[in-house]
């Protein structure tokens, strides 16, 4: 599951007021009550020696708390917001 989260990270797929829907549901490690961090993608980073892409910066733009898990998606309430929007990457906060 970790490899899947790196290649295809969970994302916000809908936002209405202070509620978001994320692209992970039952059986993917999502549980009601969990706190997740929200990241916007920043500039592409390149290796200064080779010029190879090292991925993109991830800028923390908020936090969400999971409130409901369904078979294919989960809903959450935004608890911190400095730019939470559709398409943002979400990852569980490590305790």
PDB file of N, CA and C in Angstrom:
ATOM      1  N   UNK A   1       0.827  -1.201   0.000  1.00  0.00           N
ATOM      2  CA  UNK A   1       0.000   0.000   0.000  1.00  0.00           C
ATOM      3  C   UNK A   1       0.869   1.261   0.000  1.00  0.00           C
ATOM      4  N   UNK A   2       2.046   1.203   0.633  1.00  0.00           N
ATOM      5  CA  UNK A   2       2.924   2.373   0.678  1.00  0.00           C
ATOM      6  C   UNK A   2       3.346   2.801  -0.725  1.00  0.00           C
ATOM      7  N   UNK A   3       3.695   1.838  -1.578  1.00  0.00           N
ATOM      8  CA  UNK A   3       4.108   2.160  -2.946  1.00  0.00           C
ATOM      9  C   UNK A   3       2.965   2.840  -3.688  1.00  0.00           C
ATOM     10  N   UNK A   4       1.755   2.323  -3.526  1.00  0.00           N
ATOM     11  CA  UNK A   4       0.583   2.934  -4.161  1.00  0.00           C
ATOM     12  C   UNK A   4       0.423   4.378  -3.703  1.00  0.00           C
ATOM     13  N   UNK A   5       0.621   4.635  -2.402  1.00  0.00           N
ATOM     14  CA  UNK A   5       0.462   5.996  -1.880  1.00  0.00           C
ATOM     15  C   UNK A   5       1.504   6.952  -2.443  1.00  0.00           C
ATOM     16  N   UNK A   6       2.691   6.442  -2.781  1.00  0.00           N
ATOM     17  CA  UNK A   6       3.730   7.291  -3.364  1.00  0.00           C
ATOM     18  C   UNK A   6       3.404   7.588  -4.828  1.00  0.00           C
ATOM     19  N   UNK A   7       3.044   6.552  -5.582  1.00  0.00           N
ATOM     20  CA  UNK A   7       2.775   6.716  -7.012  1.00  0.00           C
ATOM     21  C   UNK A   7       1.423   7.385  -7.257  1.00  0.00           C
ATOM     22  N   UNK A   8       0.418   6.954  -6.509  1.00  0.00           N
ATOM     23  CA  UNK A   8      -0.942   7.497  -6.641  1.00  0.00           C
ATOM     24  C   UNK A   8      -1.428   7.953  -5.274  1.00  0.00           C
ATOM     25  N   UNK A   9      -0.943   9.087  -4.784  1.00  0.00           N
ATOM     26  CA  UNK A   9      -1.341   9.520  -3.439  1.00  0.00           C
ATOM     27  C   UNK A   9      -2.829   9.864  -3.378  1.00  0.00           C
ATOM     28  N   UNK A  10      -3.389   9.750  -2.176  1.00  0.00           N
ATOM     29  CA  UNK A  10      -4.780  10.160  -1.969  1.00  0.00           C
ATOM     30  C   UNK A  10      -4.887  11.650  -2.259  1.00  0.00           C
ATOM     31  N   UNK A  11      -6.010  12.037  -2.853  1.00  0.00           N
ATOM     32  CA  UNK A  11      -6.227  13.442  -3.210  1.00  0.00           C
ATOM     33  C   UNK A  11      -7.623  13.891  -2.815  1.00  0.00           C
ATOM     34  N   UNK A  12      -7.761  15.198  -2.672  1.00  0.00           N
ATOM     35  CA  UNK A  12      -9.086  15.786  -2.479  1.00  0.00           C
ATOM     36  C   UNK A  12      -9.774  15.808  -3.837  1.00  0.00           C
ATOM     37  N   UNK A  13     -10.977  15.217  -3.902  1.00  0.00           N
ATOM     38  CA  UNK A  13     -11.701  15.155  -5.177  1.00  0.00           C
ATOM     39  C   UNK A  13     -12.948  16.029  -5.178  1.00  0.00           C
ATOM     40  N   UNK A  14     -13.329  16.558  -4.010  1.00  0.00           N
ATOM     41  CA  UNK A  14     -14.465  17.482  -3.940  1.00  0.00           C
ATOM     42  C   UNK A  14     -14.335  18.310  -2.668  1.00  0.00           C
ATOM     43  N   UNK A  15     -14.811  19.557  -2.742  1.00  0.00           N
ATOM     44  CA  UNK A  15     -14.787  20.451  -1.578  1.00  0.00           C
ATOM     45  C   UNK A  15     -16.065  21.270  -1.572  1.00  0.00           C
ATOM     46  N   UNK A  16     -16.752  21.260  -0.436  1.00  0.00           N
ATOM     47  CA  UNK A  16     -17.936  22.086  -0.230  1.00  0.00           C
ATOM     48  C   UNK A  16     -17.820  22.716   1.149  1.00  0.00           C
ATOM     49  N   UNK A  17     -17.678  24.023   1.187  1.00  0.00           N
ATOM     50  CA  UNK A  17     -17.500  24.739   2.453  1.00  0.00           C
ATOM     51  C   UNK A  17     -16.335  24.131   3.234  1.00  0.00           C
ATOM     52  N   UNK A  18     -16.607  23.561   4.407  1.00  0.00           N
ATOM     53  CA  UNK A  18     -15.550  23.003   5.266  1.00  0.00           C
ATOM     54  C   UNK A  18     -15.478  21.477   5.194  1.00  0.00           C
ATOM     55  N   UNK A  19     -16.085  20.892   4.157  1.00  0.00           N
ATOM     56  CA  UNK A  19     -16.077  19.440   3.990  1.00  0.00           C
ATOM     57  C   UNK A  19     -15.378  19.073   2.690  1.00  0.00           C
ATOM     58  N   UNK A  20     -14.530  18.045   2.754  1.00  0.00           N
ATOM     59  CA  UNK A  20     -13.865  17.548   1.550  1.00  0.00           C
ATOM     60  C   UNK A  20     -14.120  16.053   1.411  1.00  0.00           C
ATOM     61  N   UNK A  21     -14.001  15.573   0.179  1.00  0.00           N
ATOM     62  CA  UNK A  21     -14.044  14.143  -0.107  1.00  0.00           C
ATOM     63  C   UNK A  21     -12.678  13.759  -0.646  1.00  0.00           C
ATOM     64  N   UNK A  22     -12.128  12.647  -0.133  1.00  0.00           N
ATOM     65  CA  UNK A  22     -10.825  12.187  -0.608  1.00  0.00           C
ATOM     66  C   UNK A  22     -10.974  10.860  -1.357  1.00  0.00           C
ATOM     67  N   UNK A  23      -9.976  10.564  -2.167  1.00  0.00           N
ATOM     68  CA  UNK A  23     -10.013   9.415  -3.073  1.00  0.00           C
ATOM     69  C   UNK A  23      -9.530   8.113  -2.433  1.00  0.00           C
ATOM     70  N   UNK A  24      -9.866   7.887  -1.187  1.00  0.00           N
ATOM     71  CA  UNK A  24      -9.564   6.629  -0.497  1.00  0.00           C
ATOM     72  C   UNK A  24     -10.787   6.242   0.324  1.00  0.00           C
ATOM     73  N   UNK A  25     -11.101   4.954   0.306  1.00  0.00           N
ATOM     74  CA  UNK A  25     -12.252   4.459   1.053  1.00  0.00           C
ATOM     75  C   UNK A  25     -11.884   3.268   1.921  1.00  0.00           C
ATOM     76  N   UNK A  26     -12.878   2.414   2.153  1.00  0.00           N
ATOM     77  CA  UNK A  26     -12.697   1.243   3.011  1.00  0.00           C
ATOM     78  C   UNK A  26     -11.556   0.363   2.510  1.00  0.00           C
ATOM     79  N   UNK A  27     -10.820  -0.222   3.450  1.00  0.00           N
ATOM     80  CA  UNK A  27      -9.749  -1.145   3.100  1.00  0.00           C
ATOM     81  C   UNK A  27      -8.452  -0.491   2.677  1.00  0.00           C
ATOM     82  N   UNK A  28      -8.351   0.829   2.836  1.00  0.00           N
ATOM     83  CA  UNK A  28      -7.128   1.534   2.420  1.00  0.00           C
ATOM     84  C   UNK A  28      -6.410   2.197   3.594  1.00  0.00           C
ATOM     85  N   UNK A  29      -6.819   1.859   4.823  1.00  0.00           N
ATOM     86  CA  UNK A  29      -6.176   2.429   5.998  1.00  0.00           C
ATOM     87  C   UNK A  29      -6.806   3.708   6.503  1.00  0.00           C
ATOM     88  N   UNK A  30      -7.908   4.139   5.897  1.00  0.00           N
ATOM     89  CA  UNK A  30      -8.600   5.349   6.331  1.00  0.00           C
ATOM     90  C   UNK A  30      -9.607   4.970   7.413  1.00  0.00           C
ATOM     91  N   UNK A  31      -9.653   5.754   8.505  1.00  0.00           N
ATOM     92  CA  UNK A  31     -10.615   5.498   9.573  1.00  0.00           C
ATOM     93  C   UNK A  31     -11.161   6.815  10.106  1.00  0.00           C
ATOM     94  N   UNK A  32     -12.431   6.793  10.487  1.00  0.00           N
ATOM     95  CA  UNK A  32     -13.049   7.985  11.076  1.00  0.00           C
ATOM     96  C   UNK A  32     -12.244   8.420  12.293  1.00  0.00           C
ATOM     97  N   UNK A  33     -12.058   9.733  12.423  1.00  0.00           N
ATOM     98  CA  UNK A  33     -11.311  10.299  13.537  1.00  0.00           C
ATOM     99  C   UNK A  33      -9.858  10.596  13.222  1.00  0.00           C
ATOM    100  N   UNK A  34      -9.317  10.014  12.151  1.00  0.00           N
ATOM    101  CA  UNK A  34      -7.915  10.257  11.794  1.00  0.00           C
ATOM    102  C   UNK A  34      -7.700  11.701  11.349  1.00  0.00           C
ATOM    103  N   UNK A  35      -6.512  12.225  11.670  1.00  0.00           N
ATOM    104  CA  UNK A  35      -6.089  13.544  11.210  1.00  0.00           C
ATOM    105  C   UNK A  35      -5.157  13.349  10.021  1.00  0.00           C
ATOM    106  N   UNK A  36      -5.431  14.052   8.926  1.00  0.00           N
ATOM    107  CA  UNK A  36      -4.616  13.983   7.712  1.00  0.00           C
ATOM    108  C   UNK A  36      -4.111  15.383   7.386  1.00  0.00           C
ATOM    109  N   UNK A  37      -2.913  15.458   6.796  1.00  0.00           N
ATOM    110  CA  UNK A  37      -2.344  16.732   6.360  1.00  0.00           C
ATOM    111  C   UNK A  37      -2.583  16.902   4.864  1.00  0.00           C
ATOM    112  N   UNK A  38      -2.811  18.148   4.454  1.00  0.00           N
ATOM    113  CA  UNK A  38      -3.111  18.474   3.058  1.00  0.00           C
ATOM    114  C   UNK A  38      -1.911  19.207   2.461  1.00  0.00           C
ATOM    115  N   UNK A  39      -1.523  18.798   1.243  1.00  0.00           N
ATOM    116  CA  UNK A  39      -0.364  19.386   0.576  1.00  0.00           C
ATOM    117  C   UNK A  39      -0.729  19.866  -0.825  1.00  0.00           C
ATOM    118  N   UNK A  40      -0.295  21.074  -1.165  1.00  0.00           N
ATOM    119  CA  UNK A  40      -0.381  21.574  -2.538  1.00  0.00           C
ATOM    120  C   UNK A  40       0.964  21.297  -3.200  1.00  0.00           C
ATOM    121  N   UNK A  41       0.938  21.032  -4.492  1.00  0.00           N
ATOM    122  CA  UNK A  41       2.188  20.791  -5.214  1.00  0.00           C
ATOM    123  C   UNK A  41       2.825  22.109  -5.630  1.00  0.00           C
ATOM    124  N   UNK A  42       4.111  22.242  -5.330  1.00  0.00           N
ATOM    125  CA  UNK A  42       4.850  23.440  -5.694  1.00  0.00           C
ATOM    126  C   UNK A  42       5.700  23.200  -6.926  1.00  0.00           C
ATOM    127  N   UNK A  43       6.811  23.884  -6.983  1.00  0.00           N
ATOM    128  CA  UNK A  43       7.701  23.829  -8.146  1.00  0.00           C
ATOM    129  C   UNK A  43       8.399  22.476  -8.262  1.00  0.00           C
ATOM    130  N   UNK A  44       8.732  22.112  -9.510  1.00  0.00           N
ATOM    131  CA  UNK A  44       9.506  20.896  -9.744  1.00  0.00           C
ATOM    132  C   UNK A  44      10.923  21.113  -9.232  1.00  0.00           C
ATOM    133  N   UNK A  45      11.487  20.088  -8.583  1.00  0.00           N
ATOM    134  CA  UNK A  45      12.857  20.150  -8.081  1.00  0.00           C
ATOM    135  C   UNK A  45      13.742  19.325  -9.005  1.00  0.00           C
ATOM    136  N   UNK A  46      14.938  19.841  -9.295  1.00  0.00           N
ATOM    137  CA  UNK A  46      15.875  19.138 -10.179  1.00  0.00           C
ATOM    138  C   UNK A  46      17.211  18.948  -9.476  1.00  0.00           C
ATOM    139  N   UNK A  47      17.836  17.812  -9.755  1.00  0.00           N
ATOM    140  CA  UNK A  47      19.168  17.534  -9.235  1.00  0.00           C
ATOM    141  C   UNK A  47      20.129  18.543  -9.857  1.00  0.00           C
ATOM    142  N   UNK A  48      20.898  19.283  -9.044  1.00  0.00           N
ATOM    143  CA  UNK A  48      21.776  20.319  -9.601  1.00  0.00           C
ATOM    144  C   UNK A  48      22.911  19.756 -10.453  1.00  0.00           C
ATOM    145  N   UNK A  49      23.277  18.493 -10.241  1.00  0.00           N
ATOM    146  CA  UNK A  49      24.378  17.902 -11.005  1.00  0.00           C
ATOM    147  C   UNK A  49      23.910  17.250 -12.295  1.00  0.00           C
ATOM    148  N   UNK A  50      22.794  16.531 -12.236  1.00  0.00           N
ATOM    149  CA  UNK A  50      22.352  15.765 -13.407  1.00  0.00           C
ATOM    150  C   UNK A  50      21.189  16.408 -14.146  1.00  0.00           C
ATOM    151  N   UNK A  51      20.490  17.314 -13.477  1.00  0.00           N
ATOM    152  CA  UNK A  51      19.308  17.918 -14.084  1.00  0.00           C
ATOM    153  C   UNK A  51      18.082  17.018 -14.033  1.00  0.00           C
ATOM    154  N   UNK A  52      18.221  15.829 -13.427  1.00  0.00           N
ATOM    155  CA  UNK A  52      17.099  14.890 -13.333  1.00  0.00           C
ATOM    156  C   UNK A  52      16.030  15.427 -12.382  1.00  0.00           C
ATOM    157  N   UNK A  53      14.793  15.153 -12.713  1.00  0.00           N
ATOM    158  CA  UNK A  53      13.689  15.580 -11.861  1.00  0.00           C
ATOM    159  C   UNK A  53      13.708  14.813 -10.547  1.00  0.00           C
ATOM    160  N   UNK A  54      13.536  15.531  -9.453  1.00  0.00           N
ATOM    161  CA  UNK A  54      13.456  14.933  -8.122  1.00  0.00           C
ATOM    162  C   UNK A  54      12.036  15.029  -7.573  1.00  0.00           C
ATOM    163  N   UNK A  55      11.079  15.290  -8.449  1.00  0.00           N
ATOM    164  CA  UNK A  55       9.694  15.436  -8.010  1.00  0.00           C
ATOM    165  C   UNK A  55       9.350  16.899  -7.797  1.00  0.00           C
ATOM    166  N   UNK A  56       8.221  17.122  -7.142  1.00  0.00           N
ATOM    167  CA  UNK A  56       7.778  18.493  -6.887  1.00  0.00           C
ATOM    168  C   UNK A  56       7.711  18.755  -5.393  1.00  0.00           C
ATOM    169  N   UNK A  57       7.911  20.003  -5.029  1.00  0.00           N
ATOM    170  CA  UNK A  57       7.760  20.393  -3.637  1.00  0.00           C
ATOM    171  C   UNK A  57       6.339  20.111  -3.191  1.00  0.00           C
ATOM    172  N   UNK A  58       6.178  19.741  -1.920  1.00  0.00           N
ATOM    173  CA  UNK A  58       4.854  19.598  -1.329  1.00  0.00           C
ATOM    174  C   UNK A  58       4.744  20.625  -0.213  1.00  0.00           C
ATOM    175  N   UNK A  59       3.800  21.538  -0.358  1.00  0.00           N
ATOM    176  CA  UNK A  59       3.626  22.629   0.589  1.00  0.00           C
ATOM    177  C   UNK A  59       2.408  22.353   1.454  1.00  0.00           C
ATOM    178  N   UNK A  60       2.597  22.300   2.772  1.00  0.00           N
ATOM    179  CA  UNK A  60       1.480  22.039   3.676  1.00  0.00           C
ATOM    180  C   UNK A  60       0.497  23.205   3.631  1.00  0.00           C
ATOM    181  N   UNK A  61      -0.776  22.887   3.355  1.00  0.00           N
ATOM    182  CA  UNK A  61      -1.800  23.940   3.251  1.00  0.00           C
ATOM    183  C   UNK A  61      -2.986  23.686   4.180  1.00  0.00           C
ATOM    184  N   UNK A  62      -2.869  22.702   5.066  1.00  0.00           N
ATOM    185  CA  UNK A  62      -3.963  22.489   6.005  1.00  0.00           C
ATOM    186  C   UNK A  62      -4.013  21.089   6.568  1.00  0.00           C
ATOM    187  N   UNK A  63      -5.080  20.868   7.348  1.00  0.00           N
ATOM    188  CA  UNK A  63      -5.326  19.554   7.942  1.00  0.00           C
ATOM    189  C   UNK A  63      -6.814  19.248   7.851  1.00  0.00           C
ATOM    190  N   UNK A  64      -7.125  17.947   7.768  1.00  0.00           N
ATOM    191  CA  UNK A  64      -8.514  17.497   7.738  1.00  0.00           C
ATOM    192  C   UNK A  64      -8.683  16.355   8.733  1.00  0.00           C
ATOM    193  N   UNK A  65      -9.912  16.206   9.261  1.00  0.00           N
ATOM    194  CA  UNK A  65     -10.224  15.081  10.140  1.00  0.00           C
ATOM    195  C   UNK A  65     -11.284  14.225   9.459  1.00  0.00           C
ATOM    196  N   UNK A  66     -10.983  12.938   9.292  1.00  0.00           N
ATOM    197  CA  UNK A  66     -11.894  12.011   8.624  1.00  0.00           C
ATOM    198  C   UNK A  66     -13.160  11.845   9.469  1.00  0.00           C
ATOM    199  N   UNK A  67     -14.320  11.988   8.820  1.00  0.00           N
ATOM    200  CA  UNK A  67     -15.598  11.868   9.528  1.00  0.00           C
ATOM    201  C   UNK A  67     -16.422  10.676   9.064  1.00  0.00           C
ATOM    202  N   UNK A  68     -16.198  10.216   7.834  1.00  0.00           N
ATOM    203  CA  UNK A  68     -17.020   9.136   7.275  1.00  0.00           C
ATOM    204  C   UNK A  68     -16.219   8.409   6.206  1.00  0.00           C
ATOM    205  N   UNK A  69     -16.246   7.077   6.265  1.00  0.00           N
ATOM    206  CA  UNK A  69     -15.546   6.255   5.280  1.00  0.00           C
ATOM    207  C   UNK A  69     -16.583   5.425   4.534  1.00  0.00           C
ATOM    208  N   UNK A  70     -16.556   5.491   3.206  1.00  0.00           N
ATOM    209  CA  UNK A  70     -17.465   4.717   2.368  1.00  0.00           C
ATOM    210  C   UNK A  70     -16.622   3.736   1.543  1.00  0.00           C
ATOM    211  N   UNK A  71     -17.247   2.854   0.760  1.00  0.00           N
ATOM    212  CA  UNK A  71     -16.447   1.876   0.022  1.00  0.00           C
ATOM    213  C   UNK A  71     -15.351   2.476  -0.864  1.00  0.00           C
ATOM    214  N   UNK A  72     -15.604   3.600  -1.520  1.00  0.00           N
ATOM    215  CA  UNK A  72     -14.621   4.143  -2.470  1.00  0.00           C
ATOM    216  C   UNK A  72     -14.028   5.491  -2.085  1.00  0.00           C
ATOM    217  N   UNK A  73     -14.677   6.239  -1.211  1.00  0.00           N
ATOM    218  CA  UNK A  73     -14.202   7.570  -0.835  1.00  0.00           C
ATOM    219  C   UNK A  73     -14.368   7.773   0.667  1.00  0.00           C
ATOM    220  N   UNK A  74     -13.829   8.879   1.155  1.00  0.00           N
ATOM    221  CA  UNK A  74     -14.020   9.264   2.553  1.00  0.00           C
ATOM    222  C   UNK A  74     -14.282  10.758   2.620  1.00  0.00           C
ATOM    223  N   UNK A  75     -15.071  11.165   3.616  1.00  0.00           N
ATOM    224  CA  UNK A  75     -15.336  12.577   3.836  1.00  0.00           C
ATOM    225  C   UNK A  75     -14.573  13.036   5.074  1.00  0.00           C
ATOM    226  N   UNK A  76     -14.236  14.316   5.075  1.00  0.00           N
ATOM    227  CA  UNK A  76     -13.490  14.886   6.190  1.00  0.00           C
ATOM    228  C   UNK A  76     -13.876  16.341   6.372  1.00  0.00           C
ATOM    229  N   UNK A  77     -13.675  16.825   7.596  1.00  0.00           N
ATOM    230  CA  UNK A  77     -13.885  18.230   7.924  1.00  0.00           C
ATOM    231  C   UNK A  77     -12.531  18.928   7.924  1.00  0.00           C
ATOM    232  N   UNK A  78     -12.471  20.098   7.299  1.00  0.00           N
ATOM    233  CA  UNK A  78     -11.235  20.881   7.288  1.00  0.00           C
ATOM    234  C   UNK A  78     -11.046  21.495   8.671  1.00  0.00           C
ATOM    235  N   UNK A  79      -9.881  21.241   9.299  1.00  0.00           N
ATOM    236  CA  UNK A  79      -9.597  21.801  10.620  1.00  0.00           C
ATOM    237  C   UNK A  79      -8.592  22.948  10.554  1.00  0.00           C
ATOM    238  N   UNK A  80      -7.760  22.965   9.506  1.00  0.00           N
ATOM    239  CA  UNK A  80      -6.830  24.077   9.248  1.00  0.00           C
ATOM    240  C   UNK A  80      -6.821  24.293   7.745  1.00  0.00           C
ATOM    241  N   UNK A  81      -6.840  25.556   7.308  1.00  0.00           N
ATOM    242  CA  UNK A  81      -6.957  25.821   5.872  1.00  0.00           C
ATOM    243  C   UNK A  81      -6.191  27.069   5.468  1.00  0.00           C
ATOM    244  N   UNK A  82      -5.089  26.859   4.724  1.00  0.00           N
ATOM    245  CA  UNK A  82      -4.367  27.987   4.124  1.00  0.00           C
ATOM    246  C   UNK A  82      -4.239  27.769   2.624  1.00  0.00           C
ATOM    247  N   UNK A  83      -5.191  27.010   2.050  1.00  0.00           N
ATOM    248  CA  UNK A  83      -5.164  26.759   0.618  1.00  0.00           C
ATOM    249  C   UNK A  83      -5.654  25.374   0.234  1.00  0.00           C
ATOM    250  N   UNK A  84      -6.488  24.756   1.081  1.00  0.00           N
ATOM    251  CA  UNK A  84      -7.053  23.437   0.781  1.00  0.00           C
ATOM    252  C   UNK A  84      -7.951  23.559  -0.445  1.00  0.00           C
ATOM    253  N   UNK A  85      -7.726  22.707  -1.462  1.00  0.00           N
ATOM    254  CA  UNK A  85      -8.533  22.778  -2.680  1.00  0.00           C
ATOM    255  C   UNK A  85      -8.547  21.425  -3.381  1.00  0.00           C
ATOM    256  N   UNK A  86      -9.417  21.297  -4.367  1.00  0.00           N
ATOM    257  CA  UNK A  86      -9.491  20.074  -5.163  1.00  0.00           C
ATOM    258  C   UNK A  86      -8.129  19.758  -5.769  1.00  0.00           C
ATOM    259  N   UNK A  87      -7.789  18.478  -5.794  1.00  0.00           N
ATOM    260  CA  UNK A  87      -6.531  18.035  -6.378  1.00  0.00           C
ATOM    261  C   UNK A  87      -5.374  17.978  -5.404  1.00  0.00           C
ATOM    262  N   UNK A  88      -5.526  18.588  -4.224  1.00  0.00           N
ATOM    263  CA  UNK A  88      -4.448  18.572  -3.237  1.00  0.00           C
ATOM    264  C   UNK A  88      -4.201  17.143  -2.753  1.00  0.00           C
ATOM    265  N   UNK A  89      -2.956  16.837  -2.439  1.00  0.00           N
ATOM    266  CA  UNK A  89      -2.569  15.531  -1.901  1.00  0.00           C
ATOM    267  C   UNK A  89      -2.861  15.516  -0.403  1.00  0.00           C
ATOM    268  N   UNK A  90      -3.319  14.366   0.100  1.00  0.00           N
ATOM    269  CA  UNK A  90      -3.557  14.215   1.539  1.00  0.00           C
ATOM    270  C   UNK A  90      -2.827  12.976   2.042  1.00  0.00           C
ATOM    271  N   UNK A  91      -2.239  13.105   3.243  1.00  0.00           N
ATOM    272  CA  UNK A  91      -1.526  11.989   3.866  1.00  0.00           C
ATOM    273  C   UNK A  91      -1.857  11.968   5.352  1.00  0.00           C
ATOM    274  N   UNK A  92      -1.972  10.753   5.929  1.00  0.00           N
ATOM    275  CA  UNK A  92      -2.253  10.687   7.366  1.00  0.00           C
ATOM    276  C   UNK A  92      -1.110  11.290   8.172  1.00  0.00           C
ATOM    277  N   UNK A  93      -1.465  11.988   9.250  1.00  0.00           N
ATOM    278  CA  UNK A  93      -0.465  12.547  10.158  1.00  0.00           C
ATOM    279  C   UNK A  93       0.084  11.398  10.995  1.00  0.00           C
ATOM    280  N   UNK A  94       1.398  11.282  11.054  1.00  0.00           N
ATOM    281  CA  UNK A  94       2.040  10.231  11.854  1.00  0.00           C
ATOM    282  C   UNK A  94       2.049  10.658  13.314  1.00  0.00           C
ATOM    283  N   UNK A  95       1.694   9.731  14.186  1.00  0.00           N
ATOM    284  CA  UNK A  95       1.671  10.040  15.630  1.00  0.00           C
ATOM    285  C   UNK A  95       3.044   9.928  16.234  1.00  0.00           C
TER     286      UNK A  95
END
